[in-house]
Amino acid sequence: MLRLEQSALIVVDVQNGFTPGGHLAVANADQIIPLVNQLIQHFDNVVLTQDWHPDDHISFAENHENKQPFDTIRLDYGQQVLWPKHCVQGTQDADFHPNLHTSKAQMIIRKGFHSHIDSYSAFMEADHVTSTGLAGYLKERGISQVFIVGIATDFCVAWTAMDAAKLGFKTYVISDATKAIDLKGTLQHAWQEMLACGVKRVYSREVLDT
């Protein structure tokens, strides 16, 4: 049985931009929100992440000549997928989905606000050097394990989970409370990478039954 003492729930990017009607909508992503809300009520410690890009962000395809969404380029920190413009600071696209219960969250981590570097993980920017401060916050509060839900399984959820495991947290991804983009097999690859890092795959019933 899972134990939830010294645990936090990290809710990744449940925003208008990643749900139907958004600028980078993930198919059926809004369908996980009722389950995410149930899980939020089940945890004493809740952190939300929010994609929060400037208009000139380096990951936006339209900011690169002759590039299309989902093309890739090489940057100093490695390969970068180019995305449609999404979750621009201060826009409705960047707001949390109106059905998400946000009031219980103690912390909101905004990521992707540096124009020259992308950020999928709640813990580290894509350069694997620039920290968001989340790890220190959790450790100061005596939290040693994290459960991760949200959008998208194969990008921001996966990177958050892998960084959490590398930083020494016991890490679980609640699989049925996530949704994936799945670009040419990225979902399967992300799960392989997560499991190799020691991330555990669980389902909501295992958590809600504790």
N, C-alpha and C. Protein backbone atom coordinates (compact mmCIF):
# COMPACT_ATOMS: atom_id res chain seq x y z
N MET A 1 0.84 -1.20 0.00
CA MET A 1 0.00 0.00 0.00
C MET A 1 0.87 1.25 0.00
N LEU A 2 0.47 2.24 -0.77
CA LEU A 2 1.20 3.50 -0.79
C LEU A 2 0.98 4.27 0.49
N ARG A 3 2.01 4.97 0.93
CA ARG A 3 1.90 5.84 2.11
C ARG A 3 2.08 7.28 1.65
N LEU A 4 1.21 8.16 2.15
CA LEU A 4 1.21 9.54 1.68
C LEU A 4 1.84 10.53 2.65
N GLU A 5 2.40 10.02 3.77
CA GLU A 5 3.10 10.92 4.67
C GLU A 5 4.29 11.54 3.95
N GLN A 6 4.57 12.79 4.27
CA GLN A 6 5.71 13.52 3.67
C GLN A 6 5.65 13.52 2.14
N SER A 7 4.43 13.64 1.61
CA SER A 7 4.22 13.62 0.17
C SER A 7 3.64 14.93 -0.33
N ALA A 8 3.91 15.21 -1.59
CA ALA A 8 3.28 16.35 -2.27
C ALA A 8 2.73 15.88 -3.60
N LEU A 9 1.63 16.49 -4.01
CA LEU A 9 1.07 16.29 -5.34
C LEU A 9 1.51 17.46 -6.21
N ILE A 10 2.14 17.16 -7.34
CA ILE A 10 2.54 18.20 -8.30
C ILE A 10 1.61 18.10 -9.50
N VAL A 11 0.85 19.15 -9.73
CA VAL A 11 -0.13 19.20 -10.83
C VAL A 11 0.49 20.02 -11.95
N VAL A 12 0.80 19.37 -13.07
CA VAL A 12 1.58 19.98 -14.13
C VAL A 12 0.68 20.56 -15.22
N ASP A 13 0.72 21.87 -15.38
CA ASP A 13 0.25 22.58 -16.59
C ASP A 13 -1.18 22.25 -17.00
N VAL A 14 -2.10 22.22 -16.04
CA VAL A 14 -3.52 22.03 -16.39
C VAL A 14 -4.08 23.42 -16.74
N GLN A 15 -3.76 23.86 -17.94
CA GLN A 15 -4.02 25.22 -18.41
C GLN A 15 -4.88 25.19 -19.67
N ASN A 16 -5.50 26.33 -19.93
CA ASN A 16 -6.33 26.43 -21.13
C ASN A 16 -5.53 26.09 -22.39
N GLY A 17 -4.26 26.49 -22.44
CA GLY A 17 -3.45 26.28 -23.63
C GLY A 17 -3.25 24.84 -24.02
N PHE A 18 -3.34 23.93 -23.04
CA PHE A 18 -3.09 22.51 -23.30
C PHE A 18 -4.36 21.68 -23.32
N THR A 19 -5.51 22.32 -23.19
CA THR A 19 -6.79 21.61 -23.19
C THR A 19 -7.57 22.02 -24.44
N PRO A 20 -8.61 21.28 -24.81
CA PRO A 20 -9.33 21.57 -26.05
C PRO A 20 -9.71 23.04 -26.19
N GLY A 21 -9.39 23.59 -27.36
CA GLY A 21 -9.58 25.01 -27.61
C GLY A 21 -8.34 25.85 -27.38
N GLY A 22 -7.31 25.26 -26.77
CA GLY A 22 -6.07 25.97 -26.50
C GLY A 22 -5.14 25.97 -27.69
N HIS A 23 -4.08 26.78 -27.58
CA HIS A 23 -3.15 26.94 -28.69
C HIS A 23 -2.22 25.74 -28.89
N LEU A 24 -2.08 24.90 -27.87
CA LEU A 24 -1.31 23.65 -27.98
C LEU A 24 -2.12 22.55 -27.29
N ALA A 25 -3.35 22.40 -27.79
CA ALA A 25 -4.30 21.49 -27.14
C ALA A 25 -3.86 20.04 -27.24
N VAL A 26 -3.96 19.32 -26.14
CA VAL A 26 -3.71 17.89 -26.09
C VAL A 26 -5.08 17.21 -26.10
N ALA A 27 -5.28 16.27 -27.00
CA ALA A 27 -6.59 15.64 -27.17
C ALA A 27 -7.13 15.10 -25.86
N ASN A 28 -8.35 15.50 -25.54
CA ASN A 28 -9.09 14.99 -24.37
C ASN A 28 -8.43 15.31 -23.03
N ALA A 29 -7.52 16.28 -23.02
CA ALA A 29 -6.80 16.56 -21.77
C ALA A 29 -7.73 17.06 -20.67
N ASP A 30 -8.84 17.70 -21.05
CA ASP A 30 -9.77 18.18 -20.03
C ASP A 30 -10.45 17.03 -19.29
N GLN A 31 -10.42 15.84 -19.86
CA GLN A 31 -11.10 14.70 -19.25
C GLN A 31 -10.44 14.24 -17.95
N ILE A 32 -9.17 14.58 -17.74
CA ILE A 32 -8.50 14.16 -16.50
C ILE A 32 -8.79 15.10 -15.34
N ILE A 33 -9.38 16.27 -15.60
CA ILE A 33 -9.49 17.29 -14.55
C ILE A 33 -10.33 16.83 -13.35
N PRO A 34 -11.49 16.17 -13.53
CA PRO A 34 -12.22 15.70 -12.34
C PRO A 34 -11.37 14.77 -11.46
N LEU A 35 -10.59 13.89 -12.08
CA LEU A 35 -9.73 12.99 -11.32
C LEU A 35 -8.61 13.76 -10.63
N VAL A 36 -8.02 14.72 -11.33
CA VAL A 36 -6.98 15.56 -10.72
C VAL A 36 -7.56 16.30 -9.50
N ASN A 37 -8.77 16.79 -9.61
CA ASN A 37 -9.40 17.48 -8.48
C ASN A 37 -9.61 16.54 -7.29
N GLN A 38 -9.99 15.30 -7.56
CA GLN A 38 -10.12 14.31 -6.48
C GLN A 38 -8.78 14.11 -5.78
N LEU A 39 -7.74 14.00 -6.57
CA LEU A 39 -6.41 13.79 -6.00
C LEU A 39 -5.95 15.00 -5.19
N ILE A 40 -6.24 16.21 -5.67
CA ILE A 40 -5.89 17.42 -4.93
C ILE A 40 -6.48 17.38 -3.53
N GLN A 41 -7.73 16.94 -3.42
CA GLN A 41 -8.38 16.88 -2.11
C GLN A 41 -7.75 15.83 -1.20
N HIS A 42 -7.02 14.89 -1.78
CA HIS A 42 -6.46 13.76 -1.04
C HIS A 42 -5.09 14.08 -0.44
N PHE A 43 -4.48 15.19 -0.87
CA PHE A 43 -3.12 15.54 -0.43
C PHE A 43 -3.13 16.79 0.43
N ASP A 44 -2.25 16.80 1.43
CA ASP A 44 -2.07 17.99 2.27
C ASP A 44 -1.18 19.02 1.59
N ASN A 45 -0.29 18.57 0.72
CA ASN A 45 0.67 19.46 0.07
C ASN A 45 0.47 19.40 -1.44
N VAL A 46 0.14 20.55 -2.03
CA VAL A 46 -0.17 20.61 -3.46
C VAL A 46 0.62 21.75 -4.10
N VAL A 47 1.29 21.42 -5.22
CA VAL A 47 2.02 22.41 -6.00
C VAL A 47 1.45 22.40 -7.42
N LEU A 48 1.20 23.57 -7.98
CA LEU A 48 0.77 23.69 -9.37
C LEU A 48 1.91 24.24 -10.21
N THR A 49 2.04 23.77 -11.45
CA THR A 49 2.97 24.41 -12.37
C THR A 49 2.17 25.09 -13.48
N GLN A 50 2.77 26.16 -14.01
CA GLN A 50 2.10 26.98 -15.01
C GLN A 50 3.11 27.42 -16.08
N ASP A 51 2.89 26.95 -17.31
CA ASP A 51 3.70 27.43 -18.43
C ASP A 51 3.44 28.93 -18.59
N TRP A 52 4.51 29.73 -18.76
CA TRP A 52 4.36 31.19 -18.65
C TRP A 52 5.39 31.85 -19.57
N HIS A 53 5.11 31.80 -20.88
CA HIS A 53 6.11 32.19 -21.87
C HIS A 53 6.01 33.66 -22.26
N PRO A 54 7.15 34.33 -22.49
CA PRO A 54 7.13 35.63 -23.16
C PRO A 54 6.81 35.42 -24.64
N ASP A 55 6.34 36.50 -25.27
CA ASP A 55 5.92 36.42 -26.67
C ASP A 55 7.06 36.01 -27.61
N ASP A 56 8.29 36.37 -27.23
CA ASP A 56 9.44 36.09 -28.10
C ASP A 56 10.16 34.80 -27.73
N HIS A 57 9.46 33.87 -27.11
CA HIS A 57 10.12 32.68 -26.58
C HIS A 57 10.78 31.85 -27.69
N ILE A 58 11.94 31.30 -27.35
CA ILE A 58 12.77 30.58 -28.33
C ILE A 58 12.12 29.30 -28.82
N SER A 59 11.16 28.76 -28.07
CA SER A 59 10.52 27.50 -28.47
C SER A 59 9.37 27.68 -29.44
N PHE A 60 9.00 28.93 -29.76
CA PHE A 60 7.87 29.16 -30.65
C PHE A 60 8.33 29.11 -32.11
N ALA A 61 7.70 28.26 -32.89
CA ALA A 61 8.11 28.09 -34.29
C ALA A 61 8.07 29.40 -35.06
N GLU A 62 7.08 30.24 -34.76
CA GLU A 62 6.94 31.47 -35.55
C GLU A 62 8.07 32.47 -35.28
N ASN A 63 8.86 32.22 -34.24
CA ASN A 63 10.02 33.08 -33.97
C ASN A 63 11.28 32.62 -34.70
N HIS A 64 11.14 31.62 -35.58
CA HIS A 64 12.27 31.10 -36.35
C HIS A 64 11.88 31.09 -37.83
N GLU A 65 12.70 31.70 -38.64
CA GLU A 65 12.40 31.79 -40.06
C GLU A 65 12.37 30.40 -40.71
N ASN A 66 11.36 30.20 -41.54
CA ASN A 66 11.20 28.96 -42.32
C ASN A 66 11.05 27.70 -41.45
N LYS A 67 10.52 27.88 -40.25
CA LYS A 67 10.28 26.73 -39.37
C LYS A 67 8.77 26.58 -39.12
N GLN A 68 8.36 25.33 -38.94
CA GLN A 68 6.97 25.01 -38.67
C GLN A 68 6.84 24.37 -37.29
N PRO A 69 5.66 24.47 -36.69
CA PRO A 69 5.45 23.76 -35.42
C PRO A 69 5.82 22.29 -35.52
N PHE A 70 6.51 21.82 -34.51
CA PHE A 70 6.96 20.44 -34.34
C PHE A 70 8.23 20.12 -35.12
N ASP A 71 8.78 21.10 -35.85
CA ASP A 71 10.16 20.98 -36.32
C ASP A 71 11.09 20.97 -35.10
N THR A 72 12.33 20.57 -35.29
CA THR A 72 13.30 20.62 -34.20
C THR A 72 14.52 21.43 -34.64
N ILE A 73 15.16 22.06 -33.65
CA ILE A 73 16.39 22.79 -33.88
C ILE A 73 17.39 22.40 -32.78
N ARG A 74 18.65 22.72 -33.00
CA ARG A 74 19.66 22.49 -31.97
C ARG A 74 19.94 23.80 -31.25
N LEU A 75 19.89 23.77 -29.94
CA LEU A 75 20.26 24.91 -29.11
C LEU A 75 21.45 24.51 -28.24
N ASP A 76 21.97 25.44 -27.48
CA ASP A 76 23.14 25.16 -26.65
C ASP A 76 22.93 23.96 -25.73
N TYR A 77 21.70 23.79 -25.27
CA TYR A 77 21.42 22.72 -24.31
C TYR A 77 20.87 21.45 -24.97
N GLY A 78 20.83 21.41 -26.31
CA GLY A 78 20.40 20.19 -26.99
C GLY A 78 19.27 20.43 -27.97
N GLN A 79 18.59 19.34 -28.32
CA GLN A 79 17.52 19.43 -29.32
C GLN A 79 16.28 20.10 -28.71
N GLN A 80 15.67 20.98 -29.48
CA GLN A 80 14.49 21.70 -29.03
C GLN A 80 13.36 21.51 -30.05
N VAL A 81 12.21 20.99 -29.56
CA VAL A 81 11.01 20.96 -30.39
C VAL A 81 10.46 22.37 -30.48
N LEU A 82 10.05 22.77 -31.68
CA LEU A 82 9.41 24.08 -31.86
C LEU A 82 7.89 23.90 -31.78
N TRP A 83 7.27 24.75 -30.97
CA TRP A 83 5.85 24.61 -30.67
C TRP A 83 5.05 25.76 -31.28
N PRO A 84 3.75 25.55 -31.50
CA PRO A 84 2.89 26.69 -31.76
C PRO A 84 2.95 27.65 -30.56
N LYS A 85 2.76 28.93 -30.83
CA LYS A 85 2.78 29.89 -29.72
C LYS A 85 1.67 29.54 -28.73
N HIS A 86 2.04 29.43 -27.45
CA HIS A 86 1.07 28.98 -26.44
C HIS A 86 1.44 29.54 -25.08
N CYS A 87 0.44 29.63 -24.22
CA CYS A 87 0.62 30.01 -22.81
C CYS A 87 1.48 31.27 -22.67
N VAL A 88 1.17 32.28 -23.48
CA VAL A 88 1.88 33.55 -23.38
C VAL A 88 1.43 34.28 -22.12
N GLN A 89 2.40 34.84 -21.43
CA GLN A 89 2.16 35.49 -20.13
C GLN A 89 0.98 36.45 -20.19
N GLY A 90 0.06 36.31 -19.23
CA GLY A 90 -1.04 37.24 -19.11
C GLY A 90 -2.22 37.00 -20.03
N THR A 91 -2.15 35.94 -20.86
CA THR A 91 -3.25 35.64 -21.77
C THR A 91 -4.16 34.57 -21.17
N GLN A 92 -5.36 34.47 -21.72
CA GLN A 92 -6.29 33.44 -21.27
C GLN A 92 -5.73 32.04 -21.53
N ASP A 93 -4.96 31.91 -22.59
CA ASP A 93 -4.34 30.62 -22.93
C ASP A 93 -3.45 30.12 -21.79
N ALA A 94 -2.84 31.05 -21.06
CA ALA A 94 -1.93 30.68 -19.97
C ALA A 94 -2.66 30.44 -18.65
N ASP A 95 -3.92 30.82 -18.56
CA ASP A 95 -4.67 30.65 -17.30
C ASP A 95 -4.88 29.17 -17.00
N PHE A 96 -5.00 28.86 -15.71
CA PHE A 96 -5.41 27.51 -15.34
C PHE A 96 -6.81 27.24 -15.90
N HIS A 97 -7.06 25.98 -16.25
CA HIS A 97 -8.38 25.61 -16.74
C HIS A 97 -9.42 25.96 -15.67
N PRO A 98 -10.55 26.55 -16.06
CA PRO A 98 -11.51 27.01 -15.06
C PRO A 98 -12.08 25.90 -14.19
N ASN A 99 -12.03 24.64 -14.64
CA ASN A 99 -12.57 23.54 -13.83
C ASN A 99 -11.55 22.99 -12.82
N LEU A 100 -10.30 23.43 -12.91
CA LEU A 100 -9.28 22.94 -11.98
C LEU A 100 -9.45 23.62 -10.62
N HIS A 101 -9.45 22.82 -9.57
CA HIS A 101 -9.56 23.36 -8.21
C HIS A 101 -8.17 23.81 -7.74
N THR A 102 -7.94 25.10 -7.77
CA THR A 102 -6.61 25.63 -7.48
C THR A 102 -6.45 26.13 -6.05
N SER A 103 -7.54 26.26 -5.32
CA SER A 103 -7.47 26.99 -4.04
C SER A 103 -6.64 26.28 -2.98
N LYS A 104 -6.46 24.96 -3.11
CA LYS A 104 -5.71 24.21 -2.09
C LYS A 104 -4.20 24.26 -2.32
N ALA A 105 -3.78 24.75 -3.48
CA ALA A 105 -2.35 24.78 -3.79
C ALA A 105 -1.62 25.77 -2.89
N GLN A 106 -0.47 25.35 -2.36
CA GLN A 106 0.36 26.24 -1.53
C GLN A 106 1.42 26.96 -2.35
N MET A 107 1.68 26.45 -3.56
CA MET A 107 2.73 27.06 -4.37
C MET A 107 2.41 26.89 -5.85
N ILE A 108 2.72 27.94 -6.63
CA ILE A 108 2.61 27.87 -8.09
C ILE A 108 4.00 28.13 -8.66
N ILE A 109 4.49 27.17 -9.44
CA ILE A 109 5.78 27.32 -10.12
C ILE A 109 5.51 27.74 -11.56
N ARG A 110 5.93 28.95 -11.91
CA ARG A 110 5.83 29.38 -13.30
C ARG A 110 7.14 29.04 -14.01
N LYS A 111 7.00 28.48 -15.20
CA LYS A 111 8.19 28.01 -15.92
C LYS A 111 8.12 28.43 -17.38
N GLY A 112 9.29 28.48 -18.00
CA GLY A 112 9.37 28.87 -19.39
C GLY A 112 9.34 30.37 -19.59
N PHE A 113 9.64 31.14 -18.53
CA PHE A 113 9.56 32.60 -18.66
C PHE A 113 10.87 33.23 -19.11
N HIS A 114 11.96 32.45 -19.18
CA HIS A 114 13.20 32.96 -19.77
C HIS A 114 13.09 32.81 -21.29
N SER A 115 13.24 33.89 -22.03
CA SER A 115 12.97 33.86 -23.47
C SER A 115 13.92 32.95 -24.24
N HIS A 116 15.13 32.72 -23.72
CA HIS A 116 16.15 32.01 -24.48
C HIS A 116 16.27 30.53 -24.12
N ILE A 117 15.40 30.04 -23.24
CA ILE A 117 15.51 28.64 -22.81
C ILE A 117 14.13 28.09 -22.51
N ASP A 118 13.87 26.86 -22.95
CA ASP A 118 12.59 26.25 -22.66
C ASP A 118 12.63 25.59 -21.29
N SER A 119 11.45 25.22 -20.81
CA SER A 119 11.37 24.63 -19.48
C SER A 119 10.19 23.67 -19.43
N TYR A 120 10.48 22.40 -19.40
CA TYR A 120 9.43 21.40 -19.24
C TYR A 120 9.26 21.00 -17.78
N SER A 121 10.36 20.85 -17.08
CA SER A 121 10.36 20.33 -15.72
C SER A 121 9.97 21.40 -14.70
N ALA A 122 9.28 20.97 -13.66
CA ALA A 122 8.97 21.86 -12.55
C ALA A 122 10.21 22.15 -11.68
N PHE A 123 11.28 21.39 -11.87
CA PHE A 123 12.46 21.52 -11.03
C PHE A 123 13.62 22.26 -11.69
N MET A 124 13.83 22.01 -12.99
CA MET A 124 14.99 22.56 -13.69
C MET A 124 14.58 23.05 -15.06
N GLU A 125 15.22 24.14 -15.51
CA GLU A 125 15.05 24.56 -16.90
C GLU A 125 15.71 23.53 -17.81
N ALA A 126 15.45 23.65 -19.12
CA ALA A 126 15.92 22.64 -20.07
C ALA A 126 17.44 22.56 -20.19
N ASP A 127 18.16 23.57 -19.66
CA ASP A 127 19.62 23.49 -19.67
C ASP A 127 20.17 22.59 -18.57
N HIS A 128 19.29 22.09 -17.70
CA HIS A 128 19.65 21.21 -16.58
C HIS A 128 20.59 21.91 -15.59
N VAL A 129 20.61 23.22 -15.62
CA VAL A 129 21.45 24.01 -14.71
C VAL A 129 20.60 24.98 -13.89
N THR A 130 19.67 25.66 -14.55
CA THR A 130 18.88 26.70 -13.90
C THR A 130 17.75 26.08 -13.09
N SER A 131 17.77 26.28 -11.79
CA SER A 131 16.79 25.67 -10.89
C SER A 131 15.58 26.59 -10.70
N THR A 132 14.41 25.98 -10.53
CA THR A 132 13.20 26.75 -10.20
C THR A 132 13.07 27.01 -8.70
N GLY A 133 13.83 26.29 -7.89
CA GLY A 133 13.72 26.41 -6.43
C GLY A 133 12.74 25.44 -5.80
N LEU A 134 12.05 24.65 -6.62
CA LEU A 134 11.03 23.74 -6.07
C LEU A 134 11.64 22.67 -5.17
N ALA A 135 12.77 22.12 -5.57
CA ALA A 135 13.38 21.06 -4.75
C ALA A 135 13.69 21.56 -3.35
N GLY A 136 14.27 22.75 -3.26
CA GLY A 136 14.59 23.31 -1.95
C GLY A 136 13.35 23.55 -1.12
N TYR A 137 12.31 24.05 -1.75
CA TYR A 137 11.03 24.29 -1.06
C TYR A 137 10.49 23.00 -0.46
N LEU A 138 10.46 21.94 -1.28
CA LEU A 138 9.91 20.67 -0.79
C LEU A 138 10.76 20.09 0.33
N LYS A 139 12.08 20.14 0.16
CA LYS A 139 12.97 19.57 1.18
C LYS A 139 12.88 20.35 2.48
N GLU A 140 12.76 21.67 2.39
CA GLU A 140 12.60 22.49 3.60
C GLU A 140 11.34 22.12 4.37
N ARG A 141 10.33 21.65 3.64
CA ARG A 141 9.07 21.27 4.27
C ARG A 141 9.04 19.80 4.67
N GLY A 142 10.15 19.11 4.52
CA GLY A 142 10.24 17.71 4.94
C GLY A 142 9.55 16.74 4.01
N ILE A 143 9.32 17.15 2.77
CA ILE A 143 8.64 16.29 1.80
C ILE A 143 9.68 15.44 1.06
N SER A 144 9.49 14.14 1.10
CA SER A 144 10.47 13.23 0.52
C SER A 144 9.94 12.44 -0.66
N GLN A 145 8.63 12.49 -0.91
CA GLN A 145 8.11 11.81 -2.09
C GLN A 145 7.06 12.67 -2.78
N VAL A 146 7.01 12.52 -4.11
CA VAL A 146 6.10 13.34 -4.91
C VAL A 146 5.28 12.45 -5.83
N PHE A 147 4.06 12.87 -6.05
CA PHE A 147 3.14 12.24 -6.99
C PHE A 147 2.83 13.28 -8.05
N ILE A 148 2.91 12.89 -9.32
CA ILE A 148 2.83 13.85 -10.41
C ILE A 148 1.67 13.50 -11.33
N VAL A 149 0.88 14.53 -11.68
CA VAL A 149 -0.24 14.39 -12.60
C VAL A 149 -0.21 15.56 -13.58
N GLY A 150 -1.01 15.51 -14.65
CA GLY A 150 -1.16 16.67 -15.50
C GLY A 150 -0.83 16.43 -16.96
N ILE A 151 -0.37 17.50 -17.62
CA ILE A 151 -0.20 17.56 -19.06
C ILE A 151 1.20 18.09 -19.38
N ALA A 152 1.90 17.57 -20.31
CA ALA A 152 1.64 16.35 -21.07
C ALA A 152 2.58 15.26 -20.54
N THR A 153 2.07 14.04 -20.53
CA THR A 153 2.81 12.92 -19.96
C THR A 153 4.22 12.81 -20.51
N ASP A 154 4.34 13.01 -21.83
CA ASP A 154 5.61 12.74 -22.52
C ASP A 154 6.55 13.93 -22.56
N PHE A 155 6.14 15.06 -22.02
CA PHE A 155 7.03 16.23 -21.97
C PHE A 155 7.12 16.76 -20.54
N CYS A 156 6.25 17.67 -20.15
CA CYS A 156 6.43 18.33 -18.85
C CYS A 156 6.27 17.38 -17.66
N VAL A 157 5.34 16.44 -17.76
CA VAL A 157 5.19 15.46 -16.68
C VAL A 157 6.44 14.59 -16.59
N ALA A 158 6.89 14.07 -17.71
CA ALA A 158 8.06 13.17 -17.71
C ALA A 158 9.31 13.88 -17.21
N TRP A 159 9.58 15.08 -17.71
CA TRP A 159 10.78 15.80 -17.28
C TRP A 159 10.71 16.13 -15.79
N THR A 160 9.54 16.50 -15.32
CA THR A 160 9.37 16.77 -13.89
C THR A 160 9.65 15.52 -13.07
N ALA A 161 9.11 14.40 -13.51
CA ALA A 161 9.30 13.15 -12.77
C ALA A 161 10.76 12.72 -12.76
N MET A 162 11.42 12.79 -13.90
CA MET A 162 12.83 12.37 -13.96
C MET A 162 13.71 13.26 -13.11
N ASP A 163 13.46 14.57 -13.14
CA ASP A 163 14.25 15.47 -12.29
C ASP A 163 13.98 15.20 -10.82
N ALA A 164 12.73 14.95 -10.46
CA ALA A 164 12.41 14.66 -9.06
C ALA A 164 13.18 13.43 -8.58
N ALA A 165 13.20 12.39 -9.41
CA ALA A 165 13.92 11.17 -9.03
C ALA A 165 15.42 11.43 -8.91
N LYS A 166 15.97 12.18 -9.86
CA LYS A 166 17.40 12.48 -9.82
C LYS A 166 17.77 13.32 -8.60
N LEU A 167 16.82 14.14 -8.13
CA LEU A 167 17.07 15.00 -6.97
C LEU A 167 16.81 14.28 -5.65
N GLY A 168 16.47 12.99 -5.70
CA GLY A 168 16.38 12.19 -4.50
C GLY A 168 14.98 12.00 -3.94
N PHE A 169 13.97 12.47 -4.64
CA PHE A 169 12.60 12.25 -4.18
C PHE A 169 12.11 10.88 -4.66
N LYS A 170 11.37 10.20 -3.81
CA LYS A 170 10.65 9.02 -4.26
C LYS A 170 9.52 9.52 -5.16
N THR A 171 9.47 9.05 -6.39
CA THR A 171 8.66 9.71 -7.41
C THR A 171 7.68 8.75 -8.06
N TYR A 172 6.42 9.18 -8.11
CA TYR A 172 5.35 8.41 -8.73
C TYR A 172 4.65 9.28 -9.77
N VAL A 173 4.33 8.70 -10.91
CA VAL A 173 3.44 9.34 -11.87
C VAL A 173 2.12 8.59 -11.85
N ILE A 174 1.04 9.32 -11.62
CA ILE A 174 -0.30 8.72 -11.57
C ILE A 174 -0.82 8.69 -13.01
N SER A 175 -0.64 7.56 -13.65
CA SER A 175 -0.76 7.45 -15.10
C SER A 175 -2.11 7.89 -15.65
N ASP A 176 -3.20 7.49 -14.99
CA ASP A 176 -4.53 7.80 -15.52
C ASP A 176 -4.96 9.24 -15.23
N ALA A 177 -4.11 9.99 -14.55
CA ALA A 177 -4.37 11.42 -14.32
C ALA A 177 -3.41 12.29 -15.13
N THR A 178 -2.93 11.73 -16.26
CA THR A 178 -2.09 12.47 -17.20
C THR A 178 -2.64 12.28 -18.61
N LYS A 179 -2.26 13.19 -19.51
CA LYS A 179 -2.56 13.04 -20.94
C LYS A 179 -1.30 13.40 -21.73
N ALA A 180 -1.11 12.69 -22.86
CA ALA A 180 0.12 12.84 -23.64
C ALA A 180 -0.14 13.49 -24.99
N ILE A 181 0.90 14.15 -25.52
CA ILE A 181 0.89 14.64 -26.90
C ILE A 181 1.16 13.47 -27.84
N ASP A 182 2.17 12.68 -27.53
CA ASP A 182 2.60 11.49 -28.29
C ASP A 182 2.95 11.82 -29.74
N LEU A 183 4.07 12.52 -29.88
CA LEU A 183 4.64 12.85 -31.20
C LEU A 183 5.56 11.72 -31.64
N LYS A 184 5.12 10.92 -32.58
CA LYS A 184 5.99 9.89 -33.17
C LYS A 184 6.63 9.00 -32.11
N GLY A 185 5.82 8.51 -31.19
CA GLY A 185 6.33 7.57 -30.20
C GLY A 185 6.91 8.19 -28.95
N THR A 186 6.72 9.49 -28.75
CA THR A 186 7.32 10.15 -27.58
C THR A 186 6.77 9.62 -26.26
N LEU A 187 5.52 9.14 -26.25
CA LEU A 187 4.95 8.65 -24.99
C LEU A 187 5.67 7.39 -24.52
N GLN A 188 5.83 6.42 -25.42
CA GLN A 188 6.52 5.19 -25.04
C GLN A 188 7.96 5.48 -24.62
N HIS A 189 8.62 6.36 -25.36
CA HIS A 189 10.00 6.72 -25.03
C HIS A 189 10.07 7.38 -23.65
N ALA A 190 9.11 8.25 -23.37
CA ALA A 190 9.11 8.95 -22.07
C ALA A 190 8.93 7.95 -20.93
N TRP A 191 8.04 6.98 -21.08
CA TRP A 191 7.87 5.99 -20.02
C TRP A 191 9.13 5.15 -19.83
N GLN A 192 9.77 4.79 -20.91
CA GLN A 192 11.02 4.03 -20.79
C GLN A 192 12.05 4.83 -20.01
N GLU A 193 12.17 6.12 -20.33
CA GLU A 193 13.14 6.96 -19.64
C GLU A 193 12.78 7.15 -18.17
N MET A 194 11.49 7.38 -17.91
CA MET A 194 11.06 7.58 -16.51
C MET A 194 11.34 6.34 -15.68
N LEU A 195 10.95 5.17 -16.17
CA LEU A 195 11.15 3.94 -15.41
C LEU A 195 12.63 3.67 -15.19
N ALA A 196 13.45 4.01 -16.19
CA ALA A 196 14.90 3.82 -16.05
C ALA A 196 15.50 4.71 -14.98
N CYS A 197 14.86 5.85 -14.72
CA CYS A 197 15.32 6.77 -13.67
C CYS A 197 14.80 6.41 -12.28
N GLY A 198 13.97 5.37 -12.20
CA GLY A 198 13.43 4.96 -10.91
C GLY A 198 12.05 5.51 -10.61
N VAL A 199 11.44 6.18 -11.57
CA VAL A 199 10.07 6.67 -11.38
C VAL A 199 9.12 5.47 -11.37
N LYS A 200 8.13 5.50 -10.47
CA LYS A 200 7.14 4.43 -10.37
C LYS A 200 5.85 4.86 -11.08
N ARG A 201 5.26 3.96 -11.82
CA ARG A 201 3.98 4.20 -12.48
C ARG A 201 2.86 3.62 -11.63
N VAL A 202 1.93 4.47 -11.23
CA VAL A 202 0.80 4.02 -10.41
C VAL A 202 -0.49 4.55 -11.02
N TYR A 203 -1.61 4.10 -10.43
CA TYR A 203 -2.92 4.52 -10.90
C TYR A 203 -3.69 5.16 -9.74
N SER A 204 -4.63 6.00 -10.10
CA SER A 204 -5.30 6.82 -9.10
C SER A 204 -5.95 6.01 -7.99
N ARG A 205 -6.50 4.84 -8.34
CA ARG A 205 -7.18 4.05 -7.30
C ARG A 205 -6.21 3.62 -6.20
N GLU A 206 -4.94 3.42 -6.56
CA GLU A 206 -3.94 3.03 -5.56
C GLU A 206 -3.68 4.16 -4.58
N VAL A 207 -3.81 5.41 -5.06
CA VAL A 207 -3.58 6.57 -4.22
C VAL A 207 -4.83 6.91 -3.42
N LEU A 208 -5.97 6.90 -4.08
CA LEU A 208 -7.22 7.31 -3.42
C LEU A 208 -7.67 6.30 -2.39
N ASP A 209 -7.19 5.07 -2.48
CA ASP A 209 -7.55 4.04 -1.49
C ASP A 209 -6.70 4.13 -0.23
N THR A 210 -5.69 5.02 -0.20
CA THR A 210 -4.82 5.10 0.99
C THR A 210 -5.49 5.95 2.06
